[in-house]
Amino acid sequence: MKAVVVTEFGAQPELVDLPTPEPGPGEILVRIHAAGVNPFDWKVTDGALKDSVQHAFPLVMGSDGAGVVEKTGPGVTRFRPGDRVYGQFMRLPQGQGSYAEYTLAEQDGKIALIPDTLSYTLAAALPTAGVTAYQAVQAAHLEHGHTLLINGASGGVGQSAIQFAARFGARVLATGTPDLADHLRELGAHTVIDFTQAPTHEQVTAAHPEGIDAVIDLVTPTAGDIDPIAGLLRTGGTLLSTNHATDPDTLAIRGVRGINLANNPTAETLTTLAELAAIGELRVRIDTEVPLADAPATIAKTRAGHATGKTVVIPLWEAAKTNRLDATGIR
């Protein structure tokens, strides 16, 4: 089978031939039809988890994916051949990931069934960004009428978070550039803040001098940089970071709840997201679909950032089909 791998930490991704794995007890073999690209994918290959998790090389890149169960191992009862499934397939100790024609997953792992009306491309775009957004909005403890700032709303996590927060009845302030403003408002943002015109915290303070209720921060890299954003919150507010940039103890002294969120997919959450996407209640913007052979070059480009939607890697059998998404990529 074809797969995109790295041979050591920091190595350049390359397309290689590997043996198709065989499912062991409790495992399923999935024929991948689409793999979602996330920044976490190359952070792992750069060594982000090398001190905490064993890695096997060559390491197949990628976590998010969608496909069809090809074969089941002994003891598998949750899935059967022909089932359409999606979820997170990164298993570092085994060197396995989703940028491949086939991969393995544990039946009790981070996977769920795909509704018949949901495409593989959209399913593959959901797991990491969708789960992160869903759990972040839940953890923010929003109530109807609360004001929430999503700092870094242009990417996949931010766009999904806008939609989930709007479902709670929150007033959403979303950072984004003018070219994305209309799209972010369509997703549910009340106000789009152009962070290129002036610092975000200055614009929010001017518009909401009384303070706001919550911040979901997707971009600030360290605790040393997040203080201006934390200063936007009124007493009792919540500051949530997906980059582990909050200091909960320090924030507690100021009467603010600090949360460092770690993505934690479950089958139940994945099922909920897939059902929402299938009925159009969760919209995902697809920027680019690329064949597996072009994934190494695409990874190099996406590392530069500035994504406005999801990039999805398509194996040969999917790339050869003619019924691709339209130019907007929005479903």
C-alpha atoms as a PDB file:
ATOM      1  CA  MET A   1       0.000   0.000   0.000  1.00  0.00           C
ATOM      2  CA  LYS A   2       1.016   3.648  -0.473  1.00  0.00           C
ATOM      3  CA  ALA A   3       1.595   5.767   2.608  1.00  0.00           C
ATOM      4  CA  VAL A   4       3.185   9.083   3.561  1.00  0.00           C
ATOM      5  CA  VAL A   5       5.819   8.533   6.250  1.00  0.00           C
ATOM      6  CA  VAL A   6       8.716  10.090   8.110  1.00  0.00           C
ATOM      7  CA  THR A   7      11.710   7.947   9.003  1.00  0.00           C
ATOM      8  CA  GLU A   8      12.767   9.977  12.055  1.00  0.00           C
ATOM      9  CA  PHE A   9      11.806  13.123  13.963  1.00  0.00           C
ATOM     10  CA  GLY A  10      12.240  16.174  11.777  1.00  0.00           C
ATOM     11  CA  ALA A  11      12.555  14.176   8.556  1.00  0.00           C
ATOM     12  CA  GLN A  12      10.786  15.274   5.386  1.00  0.00           C
ATOM     13  CA  PRO A  13       7.587  13.340   4.607  1.00  0.00           C
ATOM     14  CA  GLU A  14       7.850  10.931   1.696  1.00  0.00           C
ATOM     15  CA  LEU A  15       5.514   8.620  -0.219  1.00  0.00           C
ATOM     16  CA  VAL A  16       6.536   4.973   0.143  1.00  0.00           C
ATOM     17  CA  ASP A  17       5.237   1.456  -0.288  1.00  0.00           C
ATOM     18  CA  LEU A  18       4.465  -0.450   2.908  1.00  0.00           C
ATOM     19  CA  PRO A  19       2.876  -3.831   3.556  1.00  0.00           C
ATOM     20  CA  THR A  20      -0.860  -3.660   4.124  1.00  0.00           C
ATOM     21  CA  PRO A  21      -1.329  -4.341   7.854  1.00  0.00           C
ATOM     22  CA  GLU A  22      -3.358  -7.246   9.168  1.00  0.00           C
ATOM     23  CA  PRO A  23      -5.884  -6.639  11.961  1.00  0.00           C
ATOM     24  CA  GLY A  24      -5.114  -8.318  15.262  1.00  0.00           C
ATOM     25  CA  PRO A  25      -7.512  -9.084  18.120  1.00  0.00           C
ATOM     26  CA  GLY A  26      -9.994  -6.254  18.590  1.00  0.00           C
ATOM     27  CA  GLU A  27      -8.725  -4.385  15.520  1.00  0.00           C
ATOM     28  CA  ILE A  28     -10.258  -3.423  12.192  1.00  0.00           C
ATOM     29  CA  LEU A  29      -8.545  -2.767   8.867  1.00  0.00           C
ATOM     30  CA  VAL A  30      -9.906   0.385   7.219  1.00  0.00           C
ATOM     31  CA  ARG A  31      -9.515   1.261   3.576  1.00  0.00           C
ATOM     32  CA  ILE A  32      -9.018   5.031   3.730  1.00  0.00           C
ATOM     33  CA  HIS A  33     -11.061   7.173   1.335  1.00  0.00           C
ATOM     34  CA  ALA A  34     -10.066  10.568   2.768  1.00  0.00           C
ATOM     35  CA  ALA A  35      -7.639  11.865   5.398  1.00  0.00           C
ATOM     36  CA  GLY A  36      -7.955  15.249   7.081  1.00  0.00           C
ATOM     37  CA  VAL A  37      -4.822  17.383   7.521  1.00  0.00           C
ATOM     38  CA  ASN A  38      -4.164  19.070  10.887  1.00  0.00           C
ATOM     39  CA  PRO A  39      -1.222  21.062  12.287  1.00  0.00           C
ATOM     40  CA  PHE A  40      -0.916  18.403  14.976  1.00  0.00           C
ATOM     41  CA  ASP A  41       0.186  15.945  12.269  1.00  0.00           C
ATOM     42  CA  TRP A  42       3.500  17.686  11.623  1.00  0.00           C
ATOM     43  CA  LYS A  43       3.952  18.773  15.217  1.00  0.00           C
ATOM     44  CA  VAL A  44       4.076  15.058  16.045  1.00  0.00           C
ATOM     45  CA  THR A  45       6.672  14.347  13.369  1.00  0.00           C
ATOM     46  CA  ASP A  46       8.703  17.302  14.655  1.00  0.00           C
ATOM     47  CA  GLY A  47       8.837  15.501  18.002  1.00  0.00           C
ATOM     48  CA  ALA A  48       6.120  17.200  20.064  1.00  0.00           C
ATOM     49  CA  LEU A  49       5.327  13.940  21.888  1.00  0.00           C
ATOM     50  CA  LYS A  50       8.707  12.216  21.756  1.00  0.00           C
ATOM     51  CA  ASP A  51       9.240  12.487  25.525  1.00  0.00           C
ATOM     52  CA  SER A  52       5.829  11.114  26.452  1.00  0.00           C
ATOM     53  CA  VAL A  53       4.860   8.489  23.859  1.00  0.00           C
ATOM     54  CA  GLN A  54       6.838   5.760  22.133  1.00  0.00           C
ATOM     55  CA  HIS A  55       7.039   6.202  18.339  1.00  0.00           C
ATOM     56  CA  ALA A  56       7.657   3.503  15.739  1.00  0.00           C
ATOM     57  CA  PHE A  57       9.416   4.374  12.463  1.00  0.00           C
ATOM     58  CA  PRO A  58       8.725   4.576   9.614  1.00  0.00           C
ATOM     59  CA  LEU A  59       5.832   6.573  11.051  1.00  0.00           C
ATOM     60  CA  VAL A  60       2.746   7.019   8.880  1.00  0.00           C
ATOM     61  CA  MET A  61       1.536  10.594   9.211  1.00  0.00           C
ATOM     62  CA  GLY A  62      -1.994  11.738   9.926  1.00  0.00           C
ATOM     63  CA  SER A  63      -4.700  11.234  12.490  1.00  0.00           C
ATOM     64  CA  ASP A  64      -8.082  12.070  10.956  1.00  0.00           C
ATOM     65  CA  GLY A  65      -9.557   9.776   8.358  1.00  0.00           C
ATOM     66  CA  ALA A  66     -12.658   8.187   6.869  1.00  0.00           C
ATOM     67  CA  GLY A  67     -13.144   4.985   4.959  1.00  0.00           C
ATOM     68  CA  VAL A  68     -14.614   1.493   4.844  1.00  0.00           C
ATOM     69  CA  VAL A  69     -13.947  -1.480   7.100  1.00  0.00           C
ATOM     70  CA  GLU A  70     -12.110  -3.976   4.912  1.00  0.00           C
ATOM     71  CA  LYS A  71     -11.454  -6.740   7.432  1.00  0.00           C
ATOM     72  CA  THR A  72     -11.949  -7.406  11.145  1.00  0.00           C
ATOM     73  CA  GLY A  73      -9.696  -9.158  13.613  1.00  0.00           C
ATOM     74  CA  PRO A  74     -10.662 -11.762  16.208  1.00  0.00           C
ATOM     75  CA  GLY A  75     -13.135 -10.563  18.822  1.00  0.00           C
ATOM     76  CA  VAL A  76     -14.455  -7.574  16.888  1.00  0.00           C
ATOM     77  CA  THR A  77     -18.181  -7.083  17.455  1.00  0.00           C
ATOM     78  CA  ARG A  78     -18.778  -3.328  16.992  1.00  0.00           C
ATOM     79  CA  PHE A  79     -17.956  -3.201  13.280  1.00  0.00           C
ATOM     80  CA  ARG A  80     -18.129  -5.450  10.270  1.00  0.00           C
ATOM     81  CA  PRO A  81     -16.702  -5.364   6.735  1.00  0.00           C
ATOM     82  CA  GLY A  82     -18.456  -2.737   4.615  1.00  0.00           C
ATOM     83  CA  ASP A  83     -19.142  -0.332   7.481  1.00  0.00           C
ATOM     84  CA  ARG A  84     -18.374   3.320   6.730  1.00  0.00           C
ATOM     85  CA  VAL A  85     -16.307   4.708   9.604  1.00  0.00           C
ATOM     86  CA  TYR A  86     -14.328   7.777  10.543  1.00  0.00           C
ATOM     87  CA  GLY A  87     -12.296   9.135  13.420  1.00  0.00           C
ATOM     88  CA  GLN A  88      -8.714   9.387  14.633  1.00  0.00           C
ATOM     89  CA  PHE A  89      -6.315   6.694  13.469  1.00  0.00           C
ATOM     90  CA  MET A  90      -2.956   7.929  14.815  1.00  0.00           C
ATOM     91  CA  ARG A  91      -1.280   5.142  16.815  1.00  0.00           C
ATOM     92  CA  LEU A  92       2.290   6.269  17.398  1.00  0.00           C
ATOM     93  CA  PRO A  93       3.649   3.129  19.151  1.00  0.00           C
ATOM     94  CA  GLN A  94       2.565   1.128  16.105  1.00  0.00           C
ATOM     95  CA  GLY A  95       3.747   3.741  13.584  1.00  0.00           C
ATOM     96  CA  GLN A  96       0.249   4.019  12.119  1.00  0.00           C
ATOM     97  CA  GLY A  97      -1.721   6.984  10.793  1.00  0.00           C
ATOM     98  CA  SER A  98      -4.310   8.070   8.244  1.00  0.00           C
ATOM     99  CA  TYR A  99      -2.137   9.284   5.329  1.00  0.00           C
ATOM    100  CA  ALA A 100      -2.257   5.824   3.802  1.00  0.00           C
ATOM    101  CA  GLU A 101      -4.385   3.607   1.634  1.00  0.00           C
ATOM    102  CA  TYR A 102      -5.079   1.335   4.607  1.00  0.00           C
ATOM    103  CA  THR A 103      -4.752   1.667   8.368  1.00  0.00           C
ATOM    104  CA  LEU A 104      -5.751  -0.152  11.530  1.00  0.00           C
ATOM    105  CA  ALA A 105      -7.927   0.958  14.422  1.00  0.00           C
ATOM    106  CA  GLU A 106      -9.072  -0.580  17.668  1.00  0.00           C
ATOM    107  CA  GLN A 107     -12.798  -1.303  17.720  1.00  0.00           C
ATOM    108  CA  ASP A 108     -13.067   0.518  21.041  1.00  0.00           C
ATOM    109  CA  GLY A 109     -10.913   3.399  19.856  1.00  0.00           C
ATOM    110  CA  LYS A 110     -11.672   6.874  18.566  1.00  0.00           C
ATOM    111  CA  ILE A 111     -13.902   5.890  15.641  1.00  0.00           C
ATOM    112  CA  ALA A 112     -17.608   5.891  14.799  1.00  0.00           C
ATOM    113  CA  LEU A 113     -19.973   5.080  11.965  1.00  0.00           C
ATOM    114  CA  ILE A 114     -20.601   7.621   9.187  1.00  0.00           C
ATOM    115  CA  PRO A 115     -24.207   8.398   8.224  1.00  0.00           C
ATOM    116  CA  ASP A 116     -25.026   7.315   4.669  1.00  0.00           C
ATOM    117  CA  THR A 117     -25.608  10.922   3.581  1.00  0.00           C
ATOM    118  CA  LEU A 118     -22.210  12.209   4.768  1.00  0.00           C
ATOM    119  CA  SER A 119     -19.303  12.131   2.314  1.00  0.00           C
ATOM    120  CA  TYR A 120     -15.924  10.673   3.203  1.00  0.00           C
ATOM    121  CA  THR A 121     -14.300  14.043   2.525  1.00  0.00           C
ATOM    122  CA  LEU A 122     -16.439  15.886   5.048  1.00  0.00           C
ATOM    123  CA  ALA A 123     -16.204  13.075   7.584  1.00  0.00           C
ATOM    124  CA  ALA A 124     -12.399  13.147   7.378  1.00  0.00           C
ATOM    125  CA  ALA A 125     -12.437  16.908   8.026  1.00  0.00           C
ATOM    126  CA  LEU A 126     -14.377  16.545  11.295  1.00  0.00           C
ATOM    127  CA  PRO A 127     -12.516  14.607  14.008  1.00  0.00           C
ATOM    128  CA  THR A 128      -9.766  16.848  15.396  1.00  0.00           C
ATOM    129  CA  ALA A 129     -11.197  20.272  14.557  1.00  0.00           C
ATOM    130  CA  GLY A 130     -14.805  19.325  15.243  1.00  0.00           C
ATOM    131  CA  VAL A 131     -14.182  17.547  18.530  1.00  0.00           C
ATOM    132  CA  THR A 132     -11.889  20.321  19.777  1.00  0.00           C
ATOM    133  CA  ALA A 133     -14.485  22.977  18.967  1.00  0.00           C
ATOM    134  CA  TYR A 134     -17.355  20.967  20.450  1.00  0.00           C
ATOM    135  CA  GLN A 135     -15.547  20.248  23.710  1.00  0.00           C
ATOM    136  CA  ALA A 136     -14.207  23.812  23.980  1.00  0.00           C
ATOM    137  CA  VAL A 137     -17.668  25.328  23.714  1.00  0.00           C
ATOM    138  CA  GLN A 138     -19.032  22.844  26.240  1.00  0.00           C
ATOM    139  CA  ALA A 139     -16.197  23.617  28.663  1.00  0.00           C
ATOM    140  CA  ALA A 140     -16.821  27.371  28.351  1.00  0.00           C
ATOM    141  CA  HIS A 141     -20.171  26.893  30.174  1.00  0.00           C
ATOM    142  CA  LEU A 142     -21.967  29.319  27.885  1.00  0.00           C
ATOM    143  CA  GLU A 143     -25.491  30.482  28.544  1.00  0.00           C
ATOM    144  CA  HIS A 144     -27.941  32.240  26.278  1.00  0.00           C
ATOM    145  CA  GLY A 145     -26.855  35.850  25.846  1.00  0.00           C
ATOM    146  CA  HIS A 146     -23.254  35.349  26.949  1.00  0.00           C
ATOM    147  CA  THR A 147     -20.576  37.129  24.937  1.00  0.00           C
ATOM    148  CA  LEU A 148     -17.779  34.858  23.681  1.00  0.00           C
ATOM    149  CA  LEU A 149     -14.577  35.801  21.850  1.00  0.00           C
ATOM    150  CA  ILE A 150     -13.129  33.128  19.554  1.00  0.00           C
ATOM    151  CA  ASN A 151      -9.545  34.218  18.987  1.00  0.00           C
ATOM    152  CA  GLY A 152      -8.387  32.477  15.829  1.00  0.00           C
ATOM    153  CA  ALA A 153     -11.790  31.847  14.284  1.00  0.00           C
ATOM    154  CA  SER A 154     -10.633  31.522  10.671  1.00  0.00           C
ATOM    155  CA  GLY A 155      -9.439  27.914  10.844  1.00  0.00           C
ATOM    156  CA  GLY A 156     -11.295  24.645  11.118  1.00  0.00           C
ATOM    157  CA  VAL A 157     -11.616  24.660  14.916  1.00  0.00           C
ATOM    158  CA  GLY A 158     -12.720  28.290  15.025  1.00  0.00           C
ATOM    159  CA  GLN A 159     -15.355  27.929  12.329  1.00  0.00           C
ATOM    160  CA  SER A 160     -16.905  24.933  14.063  1.00  0.00           C
ATOM    161  CA  ALA A 161     -16.739  26.669  17.447  1.00  0.00           C
ATOM    162  CA  ILE A 162     -18.704  29.614  16.047  1.00  0.00           C
ATOM    163  CA  GLN A 163     -21.508  27.262  15.061  1.00  0.00           C
ATOM    164  CA  PHE A 164     -21.617  25.402  18.376  1.00  0.00           C
ATOM    165  CA  ALA A 165     -21.564  28.637  20.380  1.00  0.00           C
ATOM    166  CA  ALA A 166     -24.354  30.110  18.273  1.00  0.00           C
ATOM    167  CA  ARG A 167     -26.448  27.019  19.047  1.00  0.00           C
ATOM    168  CA  PHE A 168     -26.109  27.921  22.741  1.00  0.00           C
ATOM    169  CA  GLY A 169     -27.441  31.385  21.973  1.00  0.00           C
ATOM    170  CA  ALA A 170     -24.122  33.110  22.671  1.00  0.00           C
ATOM    171  CA  ARG A 171     -23.109  36.402  21.098  1.00  0.00           C
ATOM    172  CA  VAL A 172     -19.972  35.430  19.190  1.00  0.00           C
ATOM    173  CA  LEU A 173     -17.059  37.765  18.516  1.00  0.00           C
ATOM    174  CA  ALA A 174     -14.777  36.114  15.962  1.00  0.00           C
ATOM    175  CA  THR A 175     -11.364  37.227  14.757  1.00  0.00           C
ATOM    176  CA  GLY A 176     -10.855  37.015  11.014  1.00  0.00           C
ATOM    177  CA  THR A 177      -9.758  38.878   7.926  1.00  0.00           C
ATOM    178  CA  PRO A 178     -12.188  40.879   5.732  1.00  0.00           C
ATOM    179  CA  ASP A 179     -12.221  38.239   2.992  1.00  0.00           C
ATOM    180  CA  LEU A 180     -13.686  35.725   5.477  1.00  0.00           C
ATOM    181  CA  ALA A 181     -16.003  38.079   7.350  1.00  0.00           C
ATOM    182  CA  ASP A 182     -19.183  37.249   5.428  1.00  0.00           C
ATOM    183  CA  HIS A 183     -18.546  33.516   5.783  1.00  0.00           C
ATOM    184  CA  LEU A 184     -17.940  33.764   9.533  1.00  0.00           C
ATOM    185  CA  ARG A 185     -21.134  35.760   9.973  1.00  0.00           C
ATOM    186  CA  GLU A 186     -23.045  33.136   7.987  1.00  0.00           C
ATOM    187  CA  LEU A 187     -21.774  30.526  10.453  1.00  0.00           C
ATOM    188  CA  GLY A 188     -23.169  32.528  13.376  1.00  0.00           C
ATOM    189  CA  ALA A 189     -20.638  35.212  14.342  1.00  0.00           C
ATOM    190  CA  HIS A 190     -22.275  38.460  15.457  1.00  0.00           C
ATOM    191  CA  THR A 191     -19.105  40.520  15.039  1.00  0.00           C
ATOM    192  CA  VAL A 192     -15.971  39.811  13.009  1.00  0.00           C
ATOM    193  CA  ILE A 193     -12.854  41.514  14.375  1.00  0.00           C
ATOM    194  CA  ASP A 194     -10.175  42.318  11.798  1.00  0.00           C
ATOM    195  CA  PHE A 195      -7.052  41.647  13.853  1.00  0.00           C
ATOM    196  CA  THR A 196      -4.850  43.168  11.135  1.00  0.00           C
ATOM    197  CA  GLN A 197      -6.232  46.643  11.847  1.00  0.00           C
ATOM    198  CA  ALA A 198      -5.502  46.829  15.584  1.00  0.00           C
ATOM    199  CA  PRO A 199      -4.750  44.396  18.426  1.00  0.00           C
ATOM    200  CA  THR A 200      -7.740  42.194  19.152  1.00  0.00           C
ATOM    201  CA  HIS A 201      -7.859  43.007  22.861  1.00  0.00           C
ATOM    202  CA  GLU A 202      -7.958  46.743  22.137  1.00  0.00           C
ATOM    203  CA  GLN A 203     -10.904  46.380  19.759  1.00  0.00           C
ATOM    204  CA  VAL A 204     -12.846  44.151  22.163  1.00  0.00           C
ATOM    205  CA  THR A 205     -12.187  46.458  25.118  1.00  0.00           C
ATOM    206  CA  ALA A 206     -13.447  49.459  23.158  1.00  0.00           C
ATOM    207  CA  ALA A 207     -16.657  47.654  22.204  1.00  0.00           C
ATOM    208  CA  HIS A 208     -17.189  45.851  25.542  1.00  0.00           C
ATOM    209  CA  PRO A 209     -15.658  47.956  28.338  1.00  0.00           C
ATOM    210  CA  GLU A 210     -17.728  46.038  30.875  1.00  0.00           C
ATOM    211  CA  GLY A 211     -15.917  42.817  29.935  1.00  0.00           C
ATOM    212  CA  ILE A 212     -17.024  39.615  28.238  1.00  0.00           C
ATOM    213  CA  ASP A 213     -18.008  36.196  29.544  1.00  0.00           C
ATOM    214  CA  ALA A 214     -15.640  33.789  27.825  1.00  0.00           C
ATOM    215  CA  VAL A 215     -12.701  33.454  25.454  1.00  0.00           C
ATOM    216  CA  ILE A 216     -11.747  30.426  23.392  1.00  0.00           C
ATOM    217  CA  ASP A 217      -8.159  31.154  22.374  1.00  0.00           C
ATOM    218  CA  LEU A 218      -6.842  29.052  19.508  1.00  0.00           C
ATOM    219  CA  VAL A 219      -3.737  31.028  18.582  1.00  0.00           C
ATOM    220  CA  THR A 220      -1.851  32.509  21.553  1.00  0.00           C
ATOM    221  CA  PRO A 221       1.236  30.308  21.994  1.00  0.00           C
ATOM    222  CA  THR A 222       2.295  30.870  25.604  1.00  0.00           C
ATOM    223  CA  ALA A 223       1.036  32.044  28.987  1.00  0.00           C
ATOM    224  CA  GLY A 224       3.333  35.040  28.726  1.00  0.00           C
ATOM    225  CA  ASP A 225       1.443  36.283  25.666  1.00  0.00           C
ATOM    226  CA  ILE A 226      -2.137  35.654  26.759  1.00  0.00           C
ATOM    227  CA  ASP A 227      -2.483  38.272  29.505  1.00  0.00           C
ATOM    228  CA  PRO A 228      -4.047  40.977  27.267  1.00  0.00           C
ATOM    229  CA  ILE A 229      -6.726  38.490  26.178  1.00  0.00           C
ATOM    230  CA  ALA A 230      -7.309  37.365  29.764  1.00  0.00           C
ATOM    231  CA  GLY A 231      -7.862  40.998  30.711  1.00  0.00           C
ATOM    232  CA  LEU A 232     -11.022  41.076  28.579  1.00  0.00           C
ATOM    233  CA  LEU A 233     -12.898  38.804  30.962  1.00  0.00           C
ATOM    234  CA  ARG A 234     -15.216  39.947  33.696  1.00  0.00           C
ATOM    235  CA  THR A 235     -15.103  38.255  37.092  1.00  0.00           C
ATOM    236  CA  GLY A 236     -16.446  34.716  36.775  1.00  0.00           C
ATOM    237  CA  GLY A 237     -15.452  34.472  33.126  1.00  0.00           C
ATOM    238  CA  THR A 238     -13.675  31.573  31.403  1.00  0.00           C
ATOM    239  CA  LEU A 239     -10.456  31.605  29.394  1.00  0.00           C
ATOM    240  CA  LEU A 240      -9.858  28.410  27.429  1.00  0.00           C
ATOM    241  CA  SER A 241      -6.680  27.722  25.469  1.00  0.00           C
ATOM    242  CA  THR A 242      -6.022  24.892  23.026  1.00  0.00           C
ATOM    243  CA  ASN A 243      -2.267  25.645  23.199  1.00  0.00           C
ATOM    244  CA  HIS A 244      -1.979  25.160  26.972  1.00  0.00           C
ATOM    245  CA  ALA A 245      -1.239  28.869  27.315  1.00  0.00           C
ATOM    246  CA  THR A 246      -3.293  29.539  30.456  1.00  0.00           C
ATOM    247  CA  ASP A 247      -2.113  29.501  34.073  1.00  0.00           C
ATOM    248  CA  PRO A 248      -5.272  28.431  35.938  1.00  0.00           C
ATOM    249  CA  ASP A 249      -3.871  29.273  39.390  1.00  0.00           C
ATOM    250  CA  THR A 250      -2.929  32.828  38.426  1.00  0.00           C
ATOM    251  CA  LEU A 251      -6.242  33.379  36.671  1.00  0.00           C
ATOM    252  CA  ALA A 252      -8.160  32.073  39.686  1.00  0.00           C
ATOM    253  CA  ILE A 253      -6.698  34.889  41.792  1.00  0.00           C
ATOM    254  CA  ARG A 254      -8.302  37.304  39.317  1.00  0.00           C
ATOM    255  CA  GLY A 255     -11.648  35.499  39.507  1.00  0.00           C
ATOM    256  CA  VAL A 256     -11.275  33.913  36.070  1.00  0.00           C
ATOM    257  CA  ARG A 257     -11.493  30.218  35.291  1.00  0.00           C
ATOM    258  CA  GLY A 258      -8.563  29.020  33.178  1.00  0.00           C
ATOM    259  CA  ILE A 259      -8.744  25.826  31.120  1.00  0.00           C
ATOM    260  CA  ASN A 260      -6.100  24.142  28.968  1.00  0.00           C
ATOM    261  CA  LEU A 261      -8.091  21.894  26.657  1.00  0.00           C
ATOM    262  CA  ALA A 262      -6.813  18.587  25.303  1.00  0.00           C
ATOM    263  CA  ASN A 263      -8.720  17.025  22.417  1.00  0.00           C
ATOM    264  CA  ASN A 264     -10.443  13.879  23.686  1.00  0.00           C
ATOM    265  CA  PRO A 265     -12.590  12.163  21.048  1.00  0.00           C
ATOM    266  CA  THR A 266     -15.133   9.556  22.030  1.00  0.00           C
ATOM    267  CA  ALA A 267     -17.354   7.428  19.837  1.00  0.00           C
ATOM    268  CA  GLU A 268     -20.361   9.268  21.232  1.00  0.00           C
ATOM    269  CA  THR A 269     -18.976  12.719  20.376  1.00  0.00           C
ATOM    270  CA  LEU A 270     -17.916  11.597  16.902  1.00  0.00           C
ATOM    271  CA  THR A 271     -21.397  10.190  16.289  1.00  0.00           C
ATOM    272  CA  THR A 272     -22.982  13.498  17.315  1.00  0.00           C
ATOM    273  CA  LEU A 273     -20.704  15.523  15.021  1.00  0.00           C
ATOM    274  CA  ALA A 274     -21.308  13.234  12.055  1.00  0.00           C
ATOM    275  CA  GLU A 275     -25.070  13.441  12.528  1.00  0.00           C
ATOM    276  CA  LEU A 276     -24.965  17.252  12.727  1.00  0.00           C
ATOM    277  CA  ALA A 277     -22.821  17.462   9.598  1.00  0.00           C
ATOM    278  CA  ALA A 278     -25.063  15.038   7.726  1.00  0.00           C
ATOM    279  CA  ILE A 279     -28.137  17.233   8.257  1.00  0.00           C
ATOM    280  CA  GLY A 280     -26.318  20.484   7.543  1.00  0.00           C
ATOM    281  CA  GLU A 281     -26.283  21.716  11.142  1.00  0.00           C
ATOM    282  CA  LEU A 282     -22.469  21.679  11.159  1.00  0.00           C
ATOM    283  CA  ARG A 283     -20.810  23.190   8.093  1.00  0.00           C
ATOM    284  CA  VAL A 284     -17.205  22.507   7.155  1.00  0.00           C
ATOM    285  CA  ARG A 285     -15.222  24.516   4.630  1.00  0.00           C
ATOM    286  CA  ILE A 286     -12.931  22.389   2.448  1.00  0.00           C
ATOM    287  CA  ASP A 287     -10.073  24.468   1.037  1.00  0.00           C
ATOM    288  CA  THR A 288      -8.208  21.805  -0.901  1.00  0.00           C
ATOM    289  CA  GLU A 289      -8.361  18.152  -1.848  1.00  0.00           C
ATOM    290  CA  VAL A 290      -5.034  16.634  -2.881  1.00  0.00           C
ATOM    291  CA  PRO A 291      -4.041  13.133  -3.994  1.00  0.00           C
ATOM    292  CA  LEU A 292      -1.955  11.091  -1.587  1.00  0.00           C
ATOM    293  CA  ALA A 293       1.085  11.407  -3.847  1.00  0.00           C
ATOM    294  CA  ASP A 294       1.006  15.193  -3.440  1.00  0.00           C
ATOM    295  CA  ALA A 295       0.643  15.110   0.337  1.00  0.00           C
ATOM    296  CA  PRO A 296       4.352  15.687   1.146  1.00  0.00           C
ATOM    297  CA  ALA A 297       4.415  18.909  -0.884  1.00  0.00           C
ATOM    298  CA  THR A 298       1.054  19.993   0.503  1.00  0.00           C
ATOM    299  CA  ILE A 299       2.234  19.489   4.081  1.00  0.00           C
ATOM    300  CA  ALA A 300       5.154  21.826   3.430  1.00  0.00           C
ATOM    301  CA  LYS A 301       2.744  24.510   2.200  1.00  0.00           C
ATOM    302  CA  THR A 302       0.202  24.120   4.998  1.00  0.00           C
ATOM    303  CA  ARG A 303       2.905  24.410   7.662  1.00  0.00           C
ATOM    304  CA  ALA A 304       3.017  28.118   6.779  1.00  0.00           C
ATOM    305  CA  GLY A 305      -0.457  28.508   8.330  1.00  0.00           C
ATOM    306  CA  HIS A 306      -3.186  30.941   7.290  1.00  0.00           C
ATOM    307  CA  ALA A 307      -5.684  28.168   6.530  1.00  0.00           C
ATOM    308  CA  THR A 308      -9.279  29.227   5.979  1.00  0.00           C
ATOM    309  CA  GLY A 309     -10.650  25.703   5.860  1.00  0.00           C
ATOM    310  CA  LYS A 310      -9.622  22.077   5.768  1.00  0.00           C
ATOM    311  CA  THR A 311      -7.161  20.286   3.510  1.00  0.00           C
ATOM    312  CA  VAL A 312      -8.074  16.674   2.761  1.00  0.00           C
ATOM    313  CA  VAL A 313      -5.788  13.996   1.319  1.00  0.00           C
ATOM    314  CA  ILE A 314      -7.428  11.606  -1.140  1.00  0.00           C
ATOM    315  CA  PRO A 315      -6.042   8.136  -2.007  1.00  0.00           C
ATOM    316  CA  LEU A 316      -5.755   7.113  -5.654  1.00  0.00           C
ATOM    317  CA  TRP A 317      -9.136   5.384  -5.914  1.00  0.00           C
ATOM    318  CA  GLU A 318     -10.934   8.464  -4.588  1.00  0.00           C
ATOM    319  CA  ALA A 319      -8.880  10.994  -6.559  1.00  0.00           C
ATOM    320  CA  ALA A 320      -9.802   9.190  -9.784  1.00  0.00           C
ATOM    321  CA  LYS A 321     -13.513   9.794  -9.254  1.00  0.00           C
ATOM    322  CA  THR A 322     -15.187  12.645 -11.098  1.00  0.00           C
ATOM    323  CA  ASN A 323     -17.800  13.609  -8.499  1.00  0.00           C
ATOM    324  CA  ARG A 324     -15.573  15.936  -6.489  1.00  0.00           C
ATOM    325  CA  LEU A 325     -16.757  18.880  -4.388  1.00  0.00           C
ATOM    326  CA  ASP A 326     -17.673  22.142  -6.084  1.00  0.00           C
ATOM    327  CA  ALA A 327     -15.347  25.140  -6.047  1.00  0.00           C
ATOM    328  CA  THR A 328     -16.521  26.457  -2.698  1.00  0.00           C
ATOM    329  CA  GLY A 329     -15.925  23.181  -0.890  1.00  0.00           C
ATOM    330  CA  ILE A 330     -18.636  24.079   1.638  1.00  0.00           C
ATOM    331  CA  ARG A 331     -21.222  21.506   2.682  1.00  0.00           C
END
